[in-house]
Amino acid sequence: MFLGVTATVTNWDAEGTSCSFILEDNPLVDFVELPDTCQGLQYCNVLSGVIRGALEMVSMKTEVTWVRDMLRGDDAYEMRVKLIKQVPEEYPYKDDD
């Protein structure tokens, strides 16, 4: 939403805890080319950190990894999101009765 790009959510697993976000375009890499010496670099990893952090704010522990990346010659950007566990909310205070 903030990048102005629509993601397609697909590839759900049987348990419903893992899916893929597919981006046809990524404005973060408009003027980026990775040299041959940096092919191991995950340039778009900041997006996976943003999604993981946002899900942690709503009590979901997740694992976010990149599956495909157009900077490496793939046909689209694909990010895999897997729910590790739902963290129960804890409050640092007690309600007064």
N, C-alpha and C. Protein backbone atom coordinates (compact mmCIF):
# COMPACT_ATOMS: atom_id res chain seq x y z
N MET A 1 0.82 -1.17 0.00
CA MET A 1 0.00 0.00 0.00
C MET A 1 0.89 1.26 0.00
N PHE A 2 1.92 1.29 0.82
CA PHE A 2 2.75 2.48 0.92
C PHE A 2 3.69 2.63 -0.27
N LEU A 3 3.98 1.53 -0.95
CA LEU A 3 4.84 1.58 -2.13
C LEU A 3 4.06 1.86 -3.40
N GLY A 4 2.73 1.81 -3.33
CA GLY A 4 1.91 2.00 -4.51
C GLY A 4 1.89 0.77 -5.40
N VAL A 5 2.12 -0.40 -4.84
CA VAL A 5 2.18 -1.65 -5.58
C VAL A 5 1.18 -2.62 -4.97
N THR A 6 0.48 -3.34 -5.81
CA THR A 6 -0.46 -4.35 -5.34
C THR A 6 0.23 -5.71 -5.33
N ALA A 7 0.11 -6.42 -4.23
CA ALA A 7 0.70 -7.76 -4.11
C ALA A 7 -0.39 -8.81 -4.31
N THR A 8 -0.01 -9.90 -4.92
CA THR A 8 -0.90 -11.05 -5.07
C THR A 8 -0.54 -12.05 -3.99
N VAL A 9 -1.53 -12.48 -3.22
CA VAL A 9 -1.30 -13.46 -2.16
C VAL A 9 -1.69 -14.83 -2.71
N THR A 10 -0.75 -15.77 -2.68
CA THR A 10 -0.97 -17.08 -3.28
C THR A 10 -0.14 -18.14 -2.56
N ASN A 11 -0.22 -19.37 -3.01
CA ASN A 11 0.58 -20.50 -2.51
C ASN A 11 0.37 -20.77 -1.03
N TRP A 12 -0.88 -20.80 -0.58
CA TRP A 12 -1.17 -21.14 0.82
C TRP A 12 -0.85 -22.60 1.08
N ASP A 13 -0.32 -22.92 2.25
CA ASP A 13 -0.08 -24.31 2.60
C ASP A 13 -1.37 -24.92 3.17
N ALA A 14 -1.33 -26.22 3.44
CA ALA A 14 -2.53 -26.94 3.89
C ALA A 14 -3.02 -26.46 5.25
N GLU A 15 -2.10 -26.06 6.13
CA GLU A 15 -2.49 -25.60 7.47
C GLU A 15 -2.97 -24.15 7.47
N GLY A 16 -2.72 -23.42 6.41
CA GLY A 16 -3.10 -22.01 6.34
C GLY A 16 -2.18 -21.10 7.13
N THR A 17 -0.94 -21.52 7.34
CA THR A 17 0.02 -20.73 8.13
C THR A 17 1.14 -20.14 7.29
N SER A 18 1.16 -20.41 6.00
CA SER A 18 2.23 -19.94 5.16
C SER A 18 1.67 -19.55 3.79
N CYS A 19 2.14 -18.43 3.26
CA CYS A 19 1.69 -17.98 1.95
C CYS A 19 2.80 -17.17 1.29
N SER A 20 2.58 -16.84 0.02
CA SER A 20 3.54 -16.04 -0.74
C SER A 20 2.89 -14.73 -1.17
N PHE A 21 3.68 -13.66 -1.11
CA PHE A 21 3.29 -12.37 -1.68
C PHE A 21 4.08 -12.22 -2.97
N ILE A 22 3.40 -12.00 -4.07
CA ILE A 22 4.07 -11.82 -5.35
C ILE A 22 3.88 -10.38 -5.80
N LEU A 23 5.00 -9.70 -6.03
CA LEU A 23 5.00 -8.32 -6.51
C LEU A 23 5.47 -8.31 -7.96
N GLU A 24 4.69 -7.71 -8.83
CA GLU A 24 5.09 -7.59 -10.23
C GLU A 24 6.11 -6.46 -10.40
N ASP A 25 6.04 -5.47 -9.50
CA ASP A 25 6.93 -4.32 -9.59
C ASP A 25 7.37 -3.96 -8.18
N ASN A 26 8.55 -3.41 -8.05
CA ASN A 26 9.07 -2.99 -6.76
C ASN A 26 9.79 -1.65 -6.95
N PRO A 27 9.18 -0.54 -6.49
CA PRO A 27 9.80 0.77 -6.70
C PRO A 27 11.12 0.97 -5.96
N LEU A 28 11.44 0.12 -4.99
CA LEU A 28 12.71 0.25 -4.28
C LEU A 28 13.92 -0.08 -5.15
N VAL A 29 13.69 -0.78 -6.26
CA VAL A 29 14.81 -1.22 -7.09
C VAL A 29 14.78 -0.61 -8.48
N ASP A 30 14.09 0.53 -8.65
CA ASP A 30 13.96 1.13 -9.98
C ASP A 30 15.31 1.44 -10.62
N PHE A 31 16.27 1.92 -9.87
CA PHE A 31 17.55 2.31 -10.43
C PHE A 31 18.70 1.50 -9.84
N VAL A 32 18.44 0.22 -9.55
CA VAL A 32 19.43 -0.63 -8.89
C VAL A 32 19.87 -1.74 -9.84
N GLU A 33 21.16 -1.97 -9.91
CA GLU A 33 21.74 -3.12 -10.60
C GLU A 33 22.75 -3.74 -9.66
N LEU A 34 22.66 -5.03 -9.46
CA LEU A 34 23.62 -5.73 -8.61
C LEU A 34 24.81 -6.18 -9.45
N PRO A 35 26.01 -5.81 -9.07
CA PRO A 35 27.19 -6.32 -9.80
C PRO A 35 27.37 -7.81 -9.50
N ASP A 36 28.15 -8.46 -10.31
CA ASP A 36 28.38 -9.90 -10.15
C ASP A 36 28.95 -10.25 -8.79
N THR A 37 29.72 -9.35 -8.20
CA THR A 37 30.34 -9.62 -6.91
C THR A 37 29.34 -9.53 -5.76
N CYS A 38 28.14 -9.00 -6.01
CA CYS A 38 27.14 -8.82 -4.94
C CYS A 38 25.89 -9.66 -5.18
N GLN A 39 25.98 -10.74 -5.90
CA GLN A 39 24.80 -11.55 -6.20
C GLN A 39 24.22 -12.23 -4.95
N GLY A 40 24.97 -12.34 -3.88
CA GLY A 40 24.47 -12.92 -2.64
C GLY A 40 23.70 -11.92 -1.79
N LEU A 41 23.70 -10.66 -2.18
CA LEU A 41 23.04 -9.61 -1.42
C LEU A 41 21.53 -9.68 -1.58
N GLN A 42 20.82 -9.64 -0.47
CA GLN A 42 19.35 -9.57 -0.49
C GLN A 42 18.96 -8.10 -0.40
N TYR A 43 18.92 -7.42 -1.53
CA TYR A 43 18.71 -5.99 -1.56
C TYR A 43 17.34 -5.59 -1.01
N CYS A 44 16.33 -6.38 -1.25
CA CYS A 44 14.96 -6.06 -0.84
C CYS A 44 14.64 -6.56 0.57
N ASN A 45 15.62 -6.97 1.31
CA ASN A 45 15.39 -7.54 2.64
C ASN A 45 14.75 -6.55 3.61
N VAL A 46 14.84 -5.27 3.34
CA VAL A 46 14.19 -4.30 4.21
C VAL A 46 12.68 -4.50 4.21
N LEU A 47 12.11 -4.92 3.08
CA LEU A 47 10.66 -5.17 3.03
C LEU A 47 10.26 -6.35 3.90
N SER A 48 11.07 -7.39 3.92
CA SER A 48 10.74 -8.53 4.77
C SER A 48 10.82 -8.13 6.24
N GLY A 49 11.75 -7.25 6.60
CA GLY A 49 11.83 -6.76 7.97
C GLY A 49 10.63 -5.91 8.35
N VAL A 50 10.14 -5.11 7.41
CA VAL A 50 8.96 -4.29 7.67
C VAL A 50 7.74 -5.16 7.91
N ILE A 51 7.56 -6.18 7.09
CA ILE A 51 6.40 -7.06 7.25
C ILE A 51 6.50 -7.86 8.54
N ARG A 52 7.68 -8.37 8.82
CA ARG A 52 7.86 -9.12 10.07
C ARG A 52 7.61 -8.24 11.29
N GLY A 53 8.12 -7.02 11.27
CA GLY A 53 7.91 -6.10 12.38
C GLY A 53 6.45 -5.71 12.55
N ALA A 54 5.74 -5.49 11.44
CA ALA A 54 4.33 -5.15 11.52
C ALA A 54 3.51 -6.31 12.09
N LEU A 55 3.84 -7.52 11.71
CA LEU A 55 3.11 -8.68 12.24
C LEU A 55 3.45 -8.93 13.71
N GLU A 56 4.66 -8.60 14.14
CA GLU A 56 5.00 -8.71 15.56
C GLU A 56 4.20 -7.72 16.39
N MET A 57 3.86 -6.57 15.81
CA MET A 57 3.06 -5.57 16.53
C MET A 57 1.65 -6.06 16.79
N VAL A 58 1.18 -7.03 16.03
CA VAL A 58 -0.15 -7.62 16.26
C VAL A 58 -0.02 -9.05 16.80
N SER A 59 1.08 -9.31 17.51
CA SER A 59 1.33 -10.55 18.26
C SER A 59 1.46 -11.80 17.39
N MET A 60 2.11 -11.66 16.24
CA MET A 60 2.37 -12.82 15.39
C MET A 60 3.86 -12.95 15.16
N LYS A 61 4.42 -14.08 15.56
CA LYS A 61 5.84 -14.37 15.30
C LYS A 61 5.91 -15.05 13.94
N THR A 62 6.65 -14.44 13.02
CA THR A 62 6.69 -14.94 11.64
C THR A 62 8.12 -15.08 11.15
N GLU A 63 8.24 -15.79 10.05
CA GLU A 63 9.50 -15.92 9.32
C GLU A 63 9.22 -15.44 7.90
N VAL A 64 9.97 -14.46 7.43
CA VAL A 64 9.76 -13.88 6.11
C VAL A 64 11.04 -14.05 5.29
N THR A 65 10.92 -14.69 4.14
CA THR A 65 12.08 -14.93 3.29
C THR A 65 11.74 -14.60 1.84
N TRP A 66 12.75 -14.24 1.08
CA TRP A 66 12.59 -13.99 -0.35
C TRP A 66 12.81 -15.28 -1.12
N VAL A 67 11.88 -15.60 -2.02
CA VAL A 67 11.98 -16.79 -2.84
C VAL A 67 12.51 -16.43 -4.23
N ARG A 68 11.95 -15.36 -4.80
CA ARG A 68 12.37 -14.91 -6.13
C ARG A 68 12.65 -13.41 -6.08
N ASP A 69 13.60 -12.98 -6.90
CA ASP A 69 13.99 -11.58 -6.93
C ASP A 69 14.38 -11.21 -8.35
N MET A 70 13.77 -10.17 -8.91
CA MET A 70 14.06 -9.77 -10.28
C MET A 70 15.48 -9.24 -10.45
N LEU A 71 16.09 -8.77 -9.37
CA LEU A 71 17.49 -8.34 -9.45
C LEU A 71 18.42 -9.51 -9.73
N ARG A 72 17.96 -10.70 -9.44
CA ARG A 72 18.76 -11.91 -9.69
C ARG A 72 18.32 -12.64 -10.95
N GLY A 73 17.43 -12.02 -11.73
CA GLY A 73 17.03 -12.61 -13.01
C GLY A 73 15.71 -13.37 -12.97
N ASP A 74 14.99 -13.38 -11.86
CA ASP A 74 13.70 -14.05 -11.80
C ASP A 74 12.63 -13.20 -12.49
N ASP A 75 11.44 -13.79 -12.69
CA ASP A 75 10.38 -13.09 -13.41
C ASP A 75 9.50 -12.21 -12.52
N ALA A 76 9.61 -12.33 -11.21
CA ALA A 76 8.81 -11.52 -10.29
C ALA A 76 9.51 -11.50 -8.93
N TYR A 77 8.96 -10.70 -8.03
CA TYR A 77 9.43 -10.68 -6.64
C TYR A 77 8.47 -11.53 -5.83
N GLU A 78 8.98 -12.54 -5.14
CA GLU A 78 8.13 -13.40 -4.32
C GLU A 78 8.70 -13.48 -2.92
N MET A 79 7.86 -13.16 -1.96
CA MET A 79 8.24 -13.17 -0.55
C MET A 79 7.37 -14.23 0.14
N ARG A 80 7.99 -15.11 0.89
CA ARG A 80 7.28 -16.18 1.60
C ARG A 80 7.13 -15.77 3.06
N VAL A 81 5.90 -15.83 3.58
CA VAL A 81 5.60 -15.48 4.96
C VAL A 81 5.06 -16.71 5.66
N LYS A 82 5.69 -17.10 6.78
CA LYS A 82 5.27 -18.28 7.53
C LYS A 82 5.01 -17.88 8.97
N LEU A 83 3.83 -18.23 9.47
CA LEU A 83 3.47 -17.97 10.86
C LEU A 83 4.13 -19.02 11.74
N ILE A 84 4.97 -18.57 12.67
CA ILE A 84 5.63 -19.47 13.61
C ILE A 84 4.70 -19.75 14.79
N LYS A 85 4.22 -18.69 15.42
CA LYS A 85 3.26 -18.86 16.51
C LYS A 85 2.54 -17.55 16.78
N GLN A 86 1.38 -17.66 17.35
CA GLN A 86 0.60 -16.52 17.80
C GLN A 86 1.01 -16.26 19.25
N VAL A 87 1.56 -15.10 19.51
CA VAL A 87 2.06 -14.76 20.84
C VAL A 87 0.91 -14.15 21.65
N PRO A 88 0.62 -14.69 22.83
CA PRO A 88 -0.44 -14.09 23.64
C PRO A 88 -0.02 -12.70 24.13
N GLU A 89 -0.98 -11.81 24.16
CA GLU A 89 -0.69 -10.45 24.60
C GLU A 89 -0.50 -10.42 26.10
N GLU A 90 0.51 -9.69 26.54
CA GLU A 90 0.77 -9.53 27.97
C GLU A 90 0.73 -8.05 28.30
N TYR A 91 0.05 -7.73 29.36
CA TYR A 91 -0.05 -6.35 29.79
C TYR A 91 0.83 -6.13 31.00
N PRO A 92 1.53 -5.03 31.07
CA PRO A 92 2.46 -4.81 32.18
C PRO A 92 1.76 -4.30 33.45
N TYR A 93 0.46 -4.27 33.46
CA TYR A 93 -0.26 -3.74 34.60
C TYR A 93 -1.44 -4.66 34.92
N LYS A 94 -1.96 -4.50 36.11
CA LYS A 94 -3.15 -5.24 36.53
C LYS A 94 -4.31 -4.25 36.62
N ASP A 95 -5.46 -4.72 36.25
CA ASP A 95 -6.65 -3.89 36.40
C ASP A 95 -7.04 -3.86 37.87
N ASP A 96 -7.37 -2.68 38.36
CA ASP A 96 -7.85 -2.56 39.73
C ASP A 96 -9.31 -2.99 39.80
N ASP A 97 -9.61 -3.79 40.79
CA ASP A 97 -11.02 -4.25 40.94
C ASP A 97 -11.82 -3.30 41.75
